[in-house]
Amino acid sequence: MPSNSSTDSSGAIDPTELQVTLRVLAAMDAIDEVHRDSIAVRQATARMFKSVKRNRRLEKRA
């Protein structure tokens, strides 16, 4: 897991790190879906979406 060192105190992602992330996601179209890099990115994005979904549910309950 990456550390939070690429975020500032407001929780924003460093612009350079964000640019790299977006470039990697754009490159995913060219990679076979069974390639280990594709699987790793897919799993990471799934965790991100599940976390967002879980947080929204918790906010509704609060």
PDB file of N, CA and C in Angstrom:
ATOM      1  N   MET A   1       0.829  -1.177   0.000  1.00  0.00           N
ATOM      2  CA  MET A   1       0.000   0.000   0.000  1.00  0.00           C
ATOM      3  C   MET A   1       0.876   1.243   0.000  1.00  0.00           C
ATOM      4  N   PRO A   2       0.569   2.194  -0.840  1.00  0.00           N
ATOM      5  CA  PRO A   2       1.329   3.431  -0.825  1.00  0.00           C
ATOM      6  C   PRO A   2       1.036   4.223   0.444  1.00  0.00           C
ATOM      7  N   SER A   3       2.003   5.001   0.855  1.00  0.00           N
ATOM      8  CA  SER A   3       1.793   5.839   2.029  1.00  0.00           C
ATOM      9  C   SER A   3       1.016   7.084   1.633  1.00  0.00           C
ATOM     10  N   ASN A   4       0.600   7.837   2.618  1.00  0.00           N
ATOM     11  CA  ASN A   4      -0.130   9.069   2.359  1.00  0.00           C
ATOM     12  C   ASN A   4       0.800  10.245   2.134  1.00  0.00           C
ATOM     13  N   SER A   5       2.076   9.989   1.894  1.00  0.00           N
ATOM     14  CA  SER A   5       3.039  11.071   1.720  1.00  0.00           C
ATOM     15  C   SER A   5       2.769  11.900   0.468  1.00  0.00           C
ATOM     16  N   SER A   6       1.965  11.395  -0.464  1.00  0.00           N
ATOM     17  CA  SER A   6       1.666  12.151  -1.676  1.00  0.00           C
ATOM     18  C   SER A   6       0.436  13.036  -1.503  1.00  0.00           C
ATOM     19  N   THR A   7      -0.085  13.106  -0.260  1.00  0.00           N
ATOM     20  CA  THR A   7      -1.209  13.991   0.009  1.00  0.00           C
ATOM     21  C   THR A   7      -0.772  15.101   0.946  1.00  0.00           C
ATOM     22  N   ASP A   8      -1.430  16.249   0.813  1.00  0.00           N
ATOM     23  CA  ASP A   8      -1.109  17.343   1.729  1.00  0.00           C
ATOM     24  C   ASP A   8      -2.078  17.319   2.905  1.00  0.00           C
ATOM     25  N   SER A   9      -1.985  18.290   3.782  1.00  0.00           N
ATOM     26  CA  SER A   9      -2.805  18.301   4.993  1.00  0.00           C
ATOM     27  C   SER A   9      -4.293  18.450   4.697  1.00  0.00           C
ATOM     28  N   SER A  10      -4.653  18.952   3.521  1.00  0.00           N
ATOM     29  CA  SER A  10      -6.065  19.083   3.162  1.00  0.00           C
ATOM     30  C   SER A  10      -6.613  17.803   2.551  1.00  0.00           C
ATOM     31  N   GLY A  11      -5.763  16.809   2.360  1.00  0.00           N
ATOM     32  CA  GLY A  11      -6.184  15.549   1.774  1.00  0.00           C
ATOM     33  C   GLY A  11      -6.084  15.529   0.262  1.00  0.00           C
ATOM     34  N   ALA A  12      -5.628  16.611  -0.343  1.00  0.00           N
ATOM     35  CA  ALA A  12      -5.495  16.670  -1.796  1.00  0.00           C
ATOM     36  C   ALA A  12      -4.268  15.883  -2.244  1.00  0.00           C
ATOM     37  N   ILE A  13      -4.377  15.282  -3.406  1.00  0.00           N
ATOM     38  CA  ILE A  13      -3.271  14.513  -3.977  1.00  0.00           C
ATOM     39  C   ILE A  13      -2.313  15.472  -4.673  1.00  0.00           C
ATOM     40  N   ASP A  14      -1.041  15.192  -4.520  1.00  0.00           N
ATOM     41  CA  ASP A  14      -0.013  15.988  -5.191  1.00  0.00           C
ATOM     42  C   ASP A  14      -0.314  16.000  -6.692  1.00  0.00           C
ATOM     43  N   PRO A  15      -0.319  17.159  -7.337  1.00  0.00           N
ATOM     44  CA  PRO A  15      -0.650  17.252  -8.763  1.00  0.00           C
ATOM     45  C   PRO A  15       0.211  16.353  -9.653  1.00  0.00           C
ATOM     46  N   THR A  16       1.479  16.205  -9.317  1.00  0.00           N
ATOM     47  CA  THR A  16       2.358  15.343 -10.110  1.00  0.00           C
ATOM     48  C   THR A  16       1.932  13.886  -9.984  1.00  0.00           C
ATOM     49  N   GLU A  17       1.596  13.467  -8.771  1.00  0.00           N
ATOM     50  CA  GLU A  17       1.138  12.095  -8.547  1.00  0.00           C
ATOM     51  C   GLU A  17      -0.187  11.839  -9.263  1.00  0.00           C
ATOM     52  N   LEU A  18      -1.071  12.810  -9.238  1.00  0.00           N
ATOM     53  CA  LEU A  18      -2.350  12.680  -9.928  1.00  0.00           C
ATOM     54  C   LEU A  18      -2.138  12.541 -11.429  1.00  0.00           C
ATOM     55  N   GLN A  19      -1.223  13.318 -11.975  1.00  0.00           N
ATOM     56  CA  GLN A  19      -0.920  13.252 -13.407  1.00  0.00           C
ATOM     57  C   GLN A  19      -0.414  11.855 -13.783  1.00  0.00           C
ATOM     58  N   VAL A  20       0.453  11.284 -12.962  1.00  0.00           N
ATOM     59  CA  VAL A  20       0.973   9.936 -13.214  1.00  0.00           C
ATOM     60  C   VAL A  20      -0.166   8.922 -13.165  1.00  0.00           C
ATOM     61  N   THR A  21      -1.027   9.042 -12.166  1.00  0.00           N
ATOM     62  CA  THR A  21      -2.154   8.118 -12.026  1.00  0.00           C
ATOM     63  C   THR A  21      -3.049   8.151 -13.256  1.00  0.00           C
ATOM     64  N   LEU A  22      -3.387   9.341 -13.701  1.00  0.00           N
ATOM     65  CA  LEU A  22      -4.257   9.467 -14.873  1.00  0.00           C
ATOM     66  C   LEU A  22      -3.592   8.923 -16.131  1.00  0.00           C
ATOM     67  N   ARG A  23      -2.285   9.112 -16.250  1.00  0.00           N
ATOM     68  CA  ARG A  23      -1.551   8.578 -17.402  1.00  0.00           C
ATOM     69  C   ARG A  23      -1.566   7.046 -17.382  1.00  0.00           C
ATOM     70  N   VAL A  24      -1.380   6.459 -16.213  1.00  0.00           N
ATOM     71  CA  VAL A  24      -1.404   4.997 -16.088  1.00  0.00           C
ATOM     72  C   VAL A  24      -2.794   4.465 -16.423  1.00  0.00           C
ATOM     73  N   LEU A  25      -3.823   5.099 -15.903  1.00  0.00           N
ATOM     74  CA  LEU A  25      -5.185   4.645 -16.194  1.00  0.00           C
ATOM     75  C   LEU A  25      -5.497   4.738 -17.687  1.00  0.00           C
ATOM     76  N   ALA A  26      -5.028   5.777 -18.339  1.00  0.00           N
ATOM     77  CA  ALA A  26      -5.242   5.921 -19.780  1.00  0.00           C
ATOM     78  C   ALA A  26      -4.518   4.824 -20.556  1.00  0.00           C
ATOM     79  N   ALA A  27      -3.370   4.386 -20.059  1.00  0.00           N
ATOM     80  CA  ALA A  27      -2.589   3.347 -20.733  1.00  0.00           C
ATOM     81  C   ALA A  27      -3.206   1.959 -20.575  1.00  0.00           C
ATOM     82  N   MET A  28      -4.150   1.812 -19.673  1.00  0.00           N
ATOM     83  CA  MET A  28      -4.738   0.498 -19.410  1.00  0.00           C
ATOM     84  C   MET A  28      -5.477  -0.064 -20.621  1.00  0.00           C
ATOM     85  N   ASP A  29      -5.943   0.788 -21.511  1.00  0.00           N
ATOM     86  CA  ASP A  29      -6.637   0.316 -22.715  1.00  0.00           C
ATOM     87  C   ASP A  29      -5.751  -0.574 -23.573  1.00  0.00           C
ATOM     88  N   ALA A  30      -4.457  -0.336 -23.537  1.00  0.00           N
ATOM     89  CA  ALA A  30      -3.527  -1.067 -24.398  1.00  0.00           C
ATOM     90  C   ALA A  30      -3.037  -2.371 -23.772  1.00  0.00           C
ATOM     91  N   ILE A  31      -3.392  -2.618 -22.525  1.00  0.00           N
ATOM     92  CA  ILE A  31      -2.895  -3.814 -21.829  1.00  0.00           C
ATOM     93  C   ILE A  31      -3.982  -4.879 -21.798  1.00  0.00           C
ATOM     94  N   ASP A  32      -3.590  -6.108 -22.058  1.00  0.00           N
ATOM     95  CA  ASP A  32      -4.511  -7.241 -22.018  1.00  0.00           C
ATOM     96  C   ASP A  32      -5.126  -7.360 -20.627  1.00  0.00           C
ATOM     97  N   GLU A  33      -6.421  -7.648 -20.558  1.00  0.00           N
ATOM     98  CA  GLU A  33      -7.112  -7.678 -19.263  1.00  0.00           C
ATOM     99  C   GLU A  33      -6.632  -8.775 -18.319  1.00  0.00           C
ATOM    100  N   VAL A  34      -5.913  -9.773 -18.819  1.00  0.00           N
ATOM    101  CA  VAL A  34      -5.387 -10.816 -17.933  1.00  0.00           C
ATOM    102  C   VAL A  34      -3.940 -10.548 -17.519  1.00  0.00           C
ATOM    103  N   HIS A  35      -3.360  -9.464 -18.010  1.00  0.00           N
ATOM    104  CA  HIS A  35      -1.997  -9.093 -17.628  1.00  0.00           C
ATOM    105  C   HIS A  35      -1.988  -8.715 -16.149  1.00  0.00           C
ATOM    106  N   ARG A  36      -0.920  -9.057 -15.447  1.00  0.00           N
ATOM    107  CA  ARG A  36      -0.875  -8.815 -13.997  1.00  0.00           C
ATOM    108  C   ARG A  36      -0.983  -7.331 -13.645  1.00  0.00           C
ATOM    109  N   ASP A  37      -0.478  -6.455 -14.487  1.00  0.00           N
ATOM    110  CA  ASP A  37      -0.614  -5.017 -14.221  1.00  0.00           C
ATOM    111  C   ASP A  37      -2.076  -4.578 -14.323  1.00  0.00           C
ATOM    112  N   SER A  38      -2.767  -5.102 -15.316  1.00  0.00           N
ATOM    113  CA  SER A  38      -4.178  -4.782 -15.483  1.00  0.00           C
ATOM    114  C   SER A  38      -4.986  -5.271 -14.286  1.00  0.00           C
ATOM    115  N   ILE A  39      -4.686  -6.463 -13.837  1.00  0.00           N
ATOM    116  CA  ILE A  39      -5.379  -7.031 -12.676  1.00  0.00           C
ATOM    117  C   ILE A  39      -5.110  -6.189 -11.434  1.00  0.00           C
ATOM    118  N   ALA A  40      -3.862  -5.782 -11.231  1.00  0.00           N
ATOM    119  CA  ALA A  40      -3.502  -4.979 -10.058  1.00  0.00           C
ATOM    120  C   ALA A  40      -4.239  -3.639 -10.057  1.00  0.00           C
ATOM    121  N   VAL A  41      -4.300  -2.988 -11.217  1.00  0.00           N
ATOM    122  CA  VAL A  41      -4.997  -1.700 -11.304  1.00  0.00           C
ATOM    123  C   VAL A  41      -6.487  -1.901 -11.080  1.00  0.00           C
ATOM    124  N   ARG A  42      -7.057  -2.936 -11.658  1.00  0.00           N
ATOM    125  CA  ARG A  42      -8.481  -3.221 -11.486  1.00  0.00           C
ATOM    126  C   ARG A  42      -8.816  -3.477 -10.018  1.00  0.00           C
ATOM    127  N   GLN A  43      -7.978  -4.241  -9.330  1.00  0.00           N
ATOM    128  CA  GLN A  43      -8.208  -4.520  -7.913  1.00  0.00           C
ATOM    129  C   GLN A  43      -8.084  -3.248  -7.072  1.00  0.00           C
ATOM    130  N   ALA A  44      -7.114  -2.417  -7.401  1.00  0.00           N
ATOM    131  CA  ALA A  44      -6.930  -1.169  -6.653  1.00  0.00           C
ATOM    132  C   ALA A  44      -8.119  -0.229  -6.842  1.00  0.00           C
ATOM    133  N   THR A  45      -8.614  -0.128  -8.064  1.00  0.00           N
ATOM    134  CA  THR A  45      -9.755   0.750  -8.298  1.00  0.00           C
ATOM    135  C   THR A  45     -11.009   0.183  -7.645  1.00  0.00           C
ATOM    136  N   ALA A  46     -11.141  -1.131  -7.620  1.00  0.00           N
ATOM    137  CA  ALA A  46     -12.286  -1.750  -6.946  1.00  0.00           C
ATOM    138  C   ALA A  46     -12.262  -1.429  -5.453  1.00  0.00           C
ATOM    139  N   ARG A  47     -11.075  -1.499  -4.833  1.00  0.00           N
ATOM    140  CA  ARG A  47     -10.954  -1.144  -3.408  1.00  0.00           C
ATOM    141  C   ARG A  47     -11.345   0.307  -3.179  1.00  0.00           C
ATOM    142  N   MET A  48     -10.927   1.178  -4.095  1.00  0.00           N
ATOM    143  CA  MET A  48     -11.241   2.596  -3.966  1.00  0.00           C
ATOM    144  C   MET A  48     -12.755   2.809  -4.024  1.00  0.00           C
ATOM    145  N   PHE A  49     -13.420   2.204  -5.006  1.00  0.00           N
ATOM    146  CA  PHE A  49     -14.861   2.375  -5.143  1.00  0.00           C
ATOM    147  C   PHE A  49     -15.613   1.765  -3.967  1.00  0.00           C
ATOM    148  N   LYS A  50     -15.153   0.618  -3.469  1.00  0.00           N
ATOM    149  CA  LYS A  50     -15.792   0.007  -2.300  1.00  0.00           C
ATOM    150  C   LYS A  50     -15.650   0.896  -1.076  1.00  0.00           C
ATOM    151  N   SER A  51     -14.507   1.525  -0.929  1.00  0.00           N
ATOM    152  CA  SER A  51     -14.277   2.431   0.195  1.00  0.00           C
ATOM    153  C   SER A  51     -15.212   3.639   0.118  1.00  0.00           C
ATOM    154  N   VAL A  52     -15.342   4.208  -1.062  1.00  0.00           N
ATOM    155  CA  VAL A  52     -16.241   5.351  -1.256  1.00  0.00           C
ATOM    156  C   VAL A  52     -17.673   4.941  -0.940  1.00  0.00           C
ATOM    157  N   LYS A  53     -18.074   3.791  -1.432  1.00  0.00           N
ATOM    158  CA  LYS A  53     -19.427   3.291  -1.208  1.00  0.00           C
ATOM    159  C   LYS A  53     -19.683   3.070   0.283  1.00  0.00           C
ATOM    160  N   ARG A  54     -18.716   2.465   0.961  1.00  0.00           N
ATOM    161  CA  ARG A  54     -18.842   2.198   2.396  1.00  0.00           C
ATOM    162  C   ARG A  54     -18.946   3.513   3.174  1.00  0.00           C
ATOM    163  N   ASN A  55     -18.110   4.483   2.824  1.00  0.00           N
ATOM    164  CA  ASN A  55     -18.146   5.777   3.512  1.00  0.00           C
ATOM    165  C   ASN A  55     -19.474   6.493   3.299  1.00  0.00           C
ATOM    166  N   ARG A  56     -20.022   6.410   2.110  1.00  0.00           N
ATOM    167  CA  ARG A  56     -21.322   7.044   1.846  1.00  0.00           C
ATOM    168  C   ARG A  56     -22.422   6.394   2.674  1.00  0.00           C
ATOM    169  N   ARG A  57     -22.379   5.062   2.780  1.00  0.00           N
ATOM    170  CA  ARG A  57     -23.376   4.364   3.602  1.00  0.00           C
ATOM    171  C   ARG A  57     -23.266   4.783   5.059  1.00  0.00           C
ATOM    172  N   LEU A  58     -22.032   4.879   5.554  1.00  0.00           N
ATOM    173  CA  LEU A  58     -21.824   5.281   6.945  1.00  0.00           C
ATOM    174  C   LEU A  58     -22.302   6.710   7.191  1.00  0.00           C
ATOM    175  N   GLU A  59     -22.083   7.595   6.224  1.00  0.00           N
ATOM    176  CA  GLU A  59     -22.546   8.977   6.367  1.00  0.00           C
ATOM    177  C   GLU A  59     -24.068   9.049   6.410  1.00  0.00           C
ATOM    178  N   LYS A  60     -24.737   8.213   5.617  1.00  0.00           N
ATOM    179  CA  LYS A  60     -26.200   8.202   5.618  1.00  0.00           C
ATOM    180  C   LYS A  60     -26.739   7.734   6.964  1.00  0.00           C
ATOM    181  N   ARG A  61     -26.045   6.790   7.588  1.00  0.00           N
ATOM    182  CA  ARG A  61     -26.488   6.249   8.873  1.00  0.00           C
ATOM    183  C   ARG A  61     -26.242   7.215  10.021  1.00  0.00           C
ATOM    184  N   ALA A  62     -25.297   8.097   9.855  1.00  0.00           N
ATOM    185  CA  ALA A  62     -24.927   9.017  10.957  1.00  0.00           C
ATOM    186  C   ALA A  62     -25.927  10.130  11.145  1.00  0.00           C
TER     187      ALA A  62
END
